Amino acid sequence: MDMEGSITGLSLMSEETDLAKICTREGDVKGRLAFGDGSEMGGLKRTFYCTTLEKPQGDLDLLNVGFAAMGGSDVAKFILSPGPEGVAIVCNVPAEFQTDTDIEDSKDVTRTRKAMFADKWVEAVLSKLEATSISCQPGSSNDLARACVPNQPDSDSSELVKDAQNHAEIMLEEHRCFAEGSDSGSDIAAVCLDASDDY
């Protein structure tokens, strides 16, 4: 029996478990801050949410773990994770946001929020980046989409994340996901938490 190999294997399994726990913790904390009790601002329920999770470090499998821990299944989320090799993306859009919907912002103002789809949202962001050959992962759908974007030469994932998140937020504005006449930038900023928090 190869004792050294067995010990190494157990060590790797322990490391993977620890990383998963760390990513779960980060996702849980950000999810509770965003969707838990007292998370609503100004009486407005969150409907769209863009942020980053740092702990997965661009690993799509670990980002899936953190994403699942966030909860907020009734919220459309665009979550990114920067890492040394690139940026991982996980996005979901609940069915209620997948049709054009008339929304009454006030007694005199009604807007039509355009349908949003997870795979189209991610693909639209990818098309704006220097990632024209990158597409959603197999199995992506209207409900849930994933992608990995490699870092470009002479750039790092922090800049890539900023660009991707900016394009994700622009699409929300284009689809009229925020009230007419409101400062959509502040609406978005309110749901983009500081990614530098320690967990």
Protein backbone atom coordinates (compact mmCIF):
# COMPACT_ATOMS: atom_id res chain seq x y z
CA MET A 1 0.00 0.00 0.00
CA ASP A 2 1.35 3.42 -0.95
CA MET A 3 1.05 5.28 2.35
CA GLU A 4 2.59 8.48 0.96
CA GLY A 5 0.11 8.51 -1.91
CA SER A 6 -2.79 7.87 0.47
CA ILE A 7 -1.71 10.72 2.74
CA THR A 8 -1.31 13.07 -0.22
CA GLY A 9 -4.76 12.11 -1.50
CA LEU A 10 -6.35 12.74 1.88
CA SER A 11 -4.56 16.08 2.13
CA LEU A 12 -5.91 17.16 -1.27
CA MET A 13 -9.43 16.07 -0.32
CA SER A 14 -9.18 18.03 2.92
CA GLU A 15 -7.97 21.11 1.06
CA GLU A 16 -10.84 20.88 -1.42
CA THR A 17 -13.32 20.51 1.45
CA ASP A 18 -11.84 23.52 3.24
CA LEU A 19 -12.04 25.63 0.06
CA ALA A 20 -15.65 24.61 -0.45
CA LYS A 21 -16.45 25.61 3.14
CA ILE A 22 -14.77 28.98 2.68
CA CYS A 23 -16.71 29.62 -0.54
CA THR A 24 -19.94 28.51 1.12
CA ARG A 25 -19.30 30.93 3.97
CA GLU A 26 -18.67 33.86 1.63
CA GLY A 27 -21.78 33.10 -0.41
CA ASP A 28 -23.92 32.69 2.69
CA VAL A 29 -22.74 35.98 4.20
CA LYS A 30 -23.29 37.98 1.03
CA GLY A 31 -26.61 36.30 0.43
CA ARG A 32 -27.88 37.11 3.92
CA LEU A 33 -26.75 40.71 3.53
CA ALA A 34 -28.48 41.01 0.17
CA PHE A 35 -31.60 38.89 0.59
CA GLY A 36 -32.00 38.23 4.33
CA ASP A 37 -34.09 40.06 6.91
CA GLY A 38 -33.54 43.79 6.77
CA SER A 39 -31.87 43.63 3.37
CA GLU A 40 -34.56 45.56 1.54
CA MET A 41 -33.86 49.26 1.06
CA GLY A 42 -36.50 51.92 0.88
CA GLY A 43 -39.20 49.25 0.89
CA LEU A 44 -38.08 48.01 -2.54
CA LYS A 45 -37.56 44.30 -2.96
CA ARG A 46 -34.36 43.30 -4.73
CA THR A 47 -35.01 41.89 -8.17
CA PHE A 48 -31.58 42.05 -9.86
CA TYR A 49 -28.22 41.66 -8.21
CA CYS A 50 -24.64 41.88 -9.52
CA THR A 51 -21.59 41.25 -7.35
CA THR A 52 -18.37 39.28 -7.04
CA LEU A 53 -17.30 36.37 -4.87
CA GLU A 54 -13.56 36.48 -4.24
CA LYS A 55 -12.90 33.17 -2.49
CA PRO A 56 -13.50 30.85 -5.49
CA GLN A 57 -10.60 32.67 -7.23
CA GLY A 58 -12.01 32.15 -10.70
CA ASP A 59 -12.75 28.43 -10.22
CA LEU A 60 -16.17 27.73 -11.72
CA ASP A 61 -16.89 24.70 -9.54
CA LEU A 62 -16.13 26.65 -6.36
CA LEU A 63 -18.16 29.61 -7.63
CA ASN A 64 -21.09 27.23 -8.08
CA VAL A 65 -20.71 26.34 -4.39
CA GLY A 66 -20.67 29.98 -3.28
CA PHE A 67 -23.52 30.86 -5.63
CA ALA A 68 -25.72 28.07 -4.24
CA ALA A 69 -25.06 29.27 -0.69
CA MET A 70 -26.28 32.78 -1.50
CA GLY A 71 -29.94 31.81 -1.75
CA GLY A 72 -32.21 34.47 -3.24
CA SER A 73 -33.78 32.07 -5.72
CA ASP A 74 -36.39 34.70 -6.62
CA VAL A 75 -33.69 37.24 -7.55
CA ALA A 76 -31.88 37.44 -10.90
CA LYS A 77 -28.17 37.27 -10.07
CA PHE A 78 -25.01 37.85 -12.10
CA ILE A 79 -22.09 36.66 -9.98
CA LEU A 80 -18.43 36.85 -10.98
CA SER A 81 -15.23 35.51 -9.44
CA PRO A 82 -11.78 36.77 -10.48
CA GLY A 83 -8.77 34.48 -10.36
CA PRO A 84 -5.22 34.05 -11.63
CA GLU A 85 -6.37 32.41 -14.86
CA GLY A 86 -9.49 34.46 -15.55
CA VAL A 87 -13.04 35.14 -14.44
CA ALA A 88 -15.79 32.64 -13.68
CA ILE A 89 -19.43 33.68 -14.13
CA VAL A 90 -22.65 32.15 -12.82
CA CYS A 91 -25.99 33.78 -13.63
CA ASN A 92 -29.60 32.90 -12.93
CA VAL A 93 -32.87 34.51 -14.00
CA PRO A 94 -36.16 33.38 -12.41
CA ALA A 95 -39.06 32.61 -14.76
CA GLU A 96 -41.00 35.71 -13.69
CA PHE A 97 -38.37 37.93 -15.33
CA GLN A 98 -38.35 36.00 -18.62
CA THR A 99 -41.33 37.82 -20.14
CA ASP A 100 -41.94 41.46 -20.98
CA THR A 101 -43.74 42.93 -17.98
CA ASP A 102 -45.54 46.22 -17.46
CA ILE A 103 -44.55 47.70 -14.09
CA GLU A 104 -46.31 50.59 -12.42
CA ASP A 105 -43.60 52.70 -10.81
CA SER A 106 -46.13 55.25 -9.64
CA LYS A 107 -49.76 56.17 -10.24
CA ASP A 108 -48.80 58.03 -13.41
CA VAL A 109 -45.73 56.13 -14.60
CA THR A 110 -45.66 52.64 -16.11
CA ARG A 111 -42.69 51.03 -17.84
CA THR A 112 -42.23 47.78 -19.72
CA ARG A 113 -39.40 45.71 -18.32
CA LYS A 114 -37.98 43.64 -21.16
CA ALA A 115 -37.53 39.90 -20.75
CA MET A 116 -34.20 38.76 -19.34
CA PHE A 117 -32.62 35.33 -19.84
CA ALA A 118 -29.57 33.96 -18.06
CA ASP A 119 -27.78 32.61 -21.14
CA LYS A 120 -28.53 35.73 -23.21
CA TRP A 121 -27.36 37.97 -20.36
CA VAL A 122 -24.03 36.16 -20.08
CA GLU A 123 -23.58 35.97 -23.86
CA ALA A 124 -24.27 39.70 -24.21
CA VAL A 125 -21.56 40.44 -21.64
CA LEU A 126 -19.10 38.05 -23.30
CA SER A 127 -19.70 39.74 -26.66
CA LYS A 128 -18.58 43.06 -25.17
CA LEU A 129 -15.36 41.65 -23.79
CA GLU A 130 -12.27 40.53 -25.68
CA ALA A 131 -13.72 37.05 -25.52
CA THR A 132 -15.45 36.61 -28.86
CA SER A 133 -14.54 32.91 -28.98
CA ILE A 134 -15.95 32.28 -25.50
CA SER A 135 -19.54 31.14 -25.01
CA CYS A 136 -21.67 29.84 -22.18
CA GLN A 137 -20.85 26.45 -20.73
CA PRO A 138 -22.79 23.46 -22.11
CA GLY A 139 -26.11 23.05 -20.35
CA SER A 140 -26.67 26.79 -19.90
CA SER A 141 -30.27 27.89 -20.34
CA ASN A 142 -32.75 30.73 -19.88
CA ASP A 143 -32.76 29.93 -16.16
CA LEU A 144 -29.07 29.36 -15.38
CA ALA A 145 -25.86 30.06 -17.28
CA ARG A 146 -22.15 29.67 -16.58
CA ALA A 147 -18.99 30.80 -18.34
CA CYS A 148 -15.24 31.12 -17.85
CA VAL A 149 -13.35 34.02 -19.41
CA PRO A 150 -9.55 33.71 -19.57
CA ASN A 151 -7.39 36.70 -18.76
CA GLN A 152 -6.06 38.58 -21.76
CA PRO A 153 -2.32 39.18 -22.26
CA ASP A 154 -1.00 42.13 -20.26
CA SER A 155 -4.20 42.34 -18.19
CA ASP A 156 -5.50 40.82 -14.99
CA SER A 157 -8.83 39.51 -13.82
CA SER A 158 -9.62 42.58 -11.70
CA GLU A 159 -10.00 44.72 -14.83
CA LEU A 160 -11.87 41.95 -16.58
CA VAL A 161 -14.34 41.72 -13.69
CA LYS A 162 -14.94 45.47 -13.72
CA ASP A 163 -15.65 45.42 -17.46
CA ALA A 164 -17.92 42.38 -17.21
CA GLN A 165 -19.90 43.75 -14.28
CA ASN A 166 -20.26 47.11 -16.00
CA HIS A 167 -21.67 45.48 -19.15
CA ALA A 168 -23.99 43.31 -17.04
CA GLU A 169 -25.38 46.41 -15.36
CA ILE A 170 -25.74 48.28 -18.66
CA MET A 171 -27.94 45.46 -19.97
CA LEU A 172 -30.19 45.87 -16.93
CA GLU A 173 -30.58 49.54 -17.78
CA GLU A 174 -31.26 48.77 -21.44
CA HIS A 175 -33.98 46.29 -20.44
CA ARG A 176 -35.55 48.90 -18.17
CA CYS A 177 -35.11 46.85 -15.03
CA PHE A 178 -35.17 50.00 -12.89
CA ALA A 179 -37.78 52.66 -12.31
CA GLU A 180 -38.16 55.46 -14.84
CA GLY A 181 -36.41 58.62 -13.74
CA SER A 182 -34.50 56.88 -10.96
CA ASP A 183 -30.74 56.91 -10.64
CA SER A 184 -30.24 53.35 -11.85
CA GLY A 185 -26.54 53.64 -11.05
CA SER A 186 -27.30 54.03 -7.34
CA ASP A 187 -29.87 51.21 -7.55
CA ILE A 188 -27.20 48.93 -8.97
CA ALA A 189 -24.49 50.12 -6.59
CA ALA A 190 -26.76 49.32 -3.70
CA VAL A 191 -26.76 45.66 -4.68
CA CYS A 192 -23.08 45.39 -5.59
CA LEU A 193 -21.39 44.60 -2.30
CA ASP A 194 -17.77 45.31 -1.49
CA ALA A 195 -15.82 42.28 -2.65
CA SER A 196 -12.94 42.98 -0.27
CA ASP A 197 -14.72 41.77 2.86
CA ASP A 198 -12.99 39.00 4.82
CA TYR A 199 -14.79 35.77 5.64
